[in-house]
Amino acid sequence: MAIRLYDGVYVHVEGAAEPVRVTRHAQNAGLFHVGDFVYDIDGRTVDATSHAPKIEAIVNLQTMRELGLRLN
């Protein structure tokens, strides 16, 4: 399954207990912040030397509603 990040979505991140919100990078529209790390639109870490956790999945809209999370 391919991952495509977009602003405001929540993702399951390896090792995180709760979903993490994705925000668009201020200077580069093709990059996204997930927690303290930067990823490209396909969910790959930008800095190959960092120990960024793997993005496992996008949280679907039904799960977001159940958890009380909102897009944007």
C-alpha atoms as a PDB file:
ATOM      1  CA  MET A   1       0.000   0.000   0.000  1.00  0.00           C
ATOM      2  CA  ALA A   2       1.399   3.380  -0.983  1.00  0.00           C
ATOM      3  CA  ILE A   3       1.363   6.280   1.458  1.00  0.00           C
ATOM      4  CA  ARG A   4       0.705   9.814   0.234  1.00  0.00           C
ATOM      5  CA  LEU A   5       0.985  12.484   2.895  1.00  0.00           C
ATOM      6  CA  TYR A   6      -1.116  15.625   2.972  1.00  0.00           C
ATOM      7  CA  ASP A   7      -1.543  18.494   5.386  1.00  0.00           C
ATOM      8  CA  GLY A   8      -3.719  17.762   8.407  1.00  0.00           C
ATOM      9  CA  VAL A   9      -3.942  13.984   8.099  1.00  0.00           C
ATOM     10  CA  TYR A  10      -2.944  11.713  10.987  1.00  0.00           C
ATOM     11  CA  VAL A  11      -0.603   8.754  10.599  1.00  0.00           C
ATOM     12  CA  HIS A  12       0.409   5.703  12.591  1.00  0.00           C
ATOM     13  CA  VAL A  13       4.140   5.978  13.257  1.00  0.00           C
ATOM     14  CA  GLU A  14       6.324   3.079  14.330  1.00  0.00           C
ATOM     15  CA  GLY A  15       6.702   3.109  18.109  1.00  0.00           C
ATOM     16  CA  ALA A  16       4.102   5.847  18.779  1.00  0.00           C
ATOM     17  CA  ALA A  17       1.132   5.065  21.032  1.00  0.00           C
ATOM     18  CA  GLU A  18      -1.117   7.712  19.435  1.00  0.00           C
ATOM     19  CA  PRO A  19      -1.590   8.893  15.834  1.00  0.00           C
ATOM     20  CA  VAL A  20       0.628  11.820  14.836  1.00  0.00           C
ATOM     21  CA  ARG A  21      -0.601  14.814  12.830  1.00  0.00           C
ATOM     22  CA  VAL A  22       1.077  15.696   9.535  1.00  0.00           C
ATOM     23  CA  THR A  23       1.779  19.343   8.712  1.00  0.00           C
ATOM     24  CA  ARG A  24       3.136  20.806   5.480  1.00  0.00           C
ATOM     25  CA  HIS A  25       6.653  22.236   5.586  1.00  0.00           C
ATOM     26  CA  ALA A  26       6.534  26.049   5.512  1.00  0.00           C
ATOM     27  CA  GLN A  27       9.301  26.548   2.912  1.00  0.00           C
ATOM     28  CA  ASN A  28       8.860  23.440   0.743  1.00  0.00           C
ATOM     29  CA  ALA A  29       5.364  22.269  -0.241  1.00  0.00           C
ATOM     30  CA  GLY A  30       6.674  18.792  -1.124  1.00  0.00           C
ATOM     31  CA  LEU A  31       7.832  18.091   2.446  1.00  0.00           C
ATOM     32  CA  PHE A  32       5.889  17.329   5.610  1.00  0.00           C
ATOM     33  CA  HIS A  33       6.567  17.394   9.340  1.00  0.00           C
ATOM     34  CA  VAL A  34       5.530  14.310  11.287  1.00  0.00           C
ATOM     35  CA  GLY A  35       6.438  14.878  14.898  1.00  0.00           C
ATOM     36  CA  ASP A  36      10.071  16.023  14.977  1.00  0.00           C
ATOM     37  CA  PHE A  37      10.948  14.543  11.577  1.00  0.00           C
ATOM     38  CA  VAL A  38      10.603  15.611   7.927  1.00  0.00           C
ATOM     39  CA  TYR A  39       9.246  13.293   5.235  1.00  0.00           C
ATOM     40  CA  ASP A  40       8.515  13.604   1.527  1.00  0.00           C
ATOM     41  CA  ILE A  41       5.032  13.197   0.062  1.00  0.00           C
ATOM     42  CA  ASP A  42       5.540   9.416  -0.190  1.00  0.00           C
ATOM     43  CA  GLY A  43       6.325   9.075   3.525  1.00  0.00           C
ATOM     44  CA  ARG A  44      10.081   8.635   3.127  1.00  0.00           C
ATOM     45  CA  THR A  45      12.400  10.429   5.525  1.00  0.00           C
ATOM     46  CA  VAL A  46      14.300  13.299   3.935  1.00  0.00           C
ATOM     47  CA  ASP A  47      17.432  12.944   6.051  1.00  0.00           C
ATOM     48  CA  ALA A  48      18.847   9.472   5.418  1.00  0.00           C
ATOM     49  CA  THR A  49      21.126   9.787   8.460  1.00  0.00           C
ATOM     50  CA  SER A  50      18.290  10.438  10.922  1.00  0.00           C
ATOM     51  CA  HIS A  51      16.579   7.713  12.902  1.00  0.00           C
ATOM     52  CA  ALA A  52      13.113   8.798  11.802  1.00  0.00           C
ATOM     53  CA  PRO A  53      10.446   6.226  12.601  1.00  0.00           C
ATOM     54  CA  LYS A  54       8.653   4.503   9.761  1.00  0.00           C
ATOM     55  CA  ILE A  55       5.195   5.774   8.848  1.00  0.00           C
ATOM     56  CA  GLU A  56       3.069   2.643   8.963  1.00  0.00           C
ATOM     57  CA  ALA A  57      -0.300   3.896   7.703  1.00  0.00           C
ATOM     58  CA  ILE A  58      -2.614   6.836   7.220  1.00  0.00           C
ATOM     59  CA  VAL A  59      -5.380   6.977   9.836  1.00  0.00           C
ATOM     60  CA  ASN A  60      -8.680   6.577   7.975  1.00  0.00           C
ATOM     61  CA  LEU A  61     -11.531   9.065   8.406  1.00  0.00           C
ATOM     62  CA  GLN A  62     -13.706   6.677  10.435  1.00  0.00           C
ATOM     63  CA  THR A  63     -10.913   6.073  12.955  1.00  0.00           C
ATOM     64  CA  MET A  64     -10.209   9.804  13.121  1.00  0.00           C
ATOM     65  CA  ARG A  65     -13.860  10.461  14.021  1.00  0.00           C
ATOM     66  CA  GLU A  66     -13.804   7.726  16.659  1.00  0.00           C
ATOM     67  CA  LEU A  67     -10.667   9.243  18.232  1.00  0.00           C
ATOM     68  CA  GLY A  68     -12.073  12.781  18.076  1.00  0.00           C
ATOM     69  CA  LEU A  69      -9.404  13.950  15.619  1.00  0.00           C
ATOM     70  CA  ARG A  70     -10.127  16.548  12.940  1.00  0.00           C
ATOM     71  CA  LEU A  71      -8.614  17.336   9.563  1.00  0.00           C
ATOM     72  CA  ASN A  72      -7.120  20.825   9.504  1.00  0.00           C
END
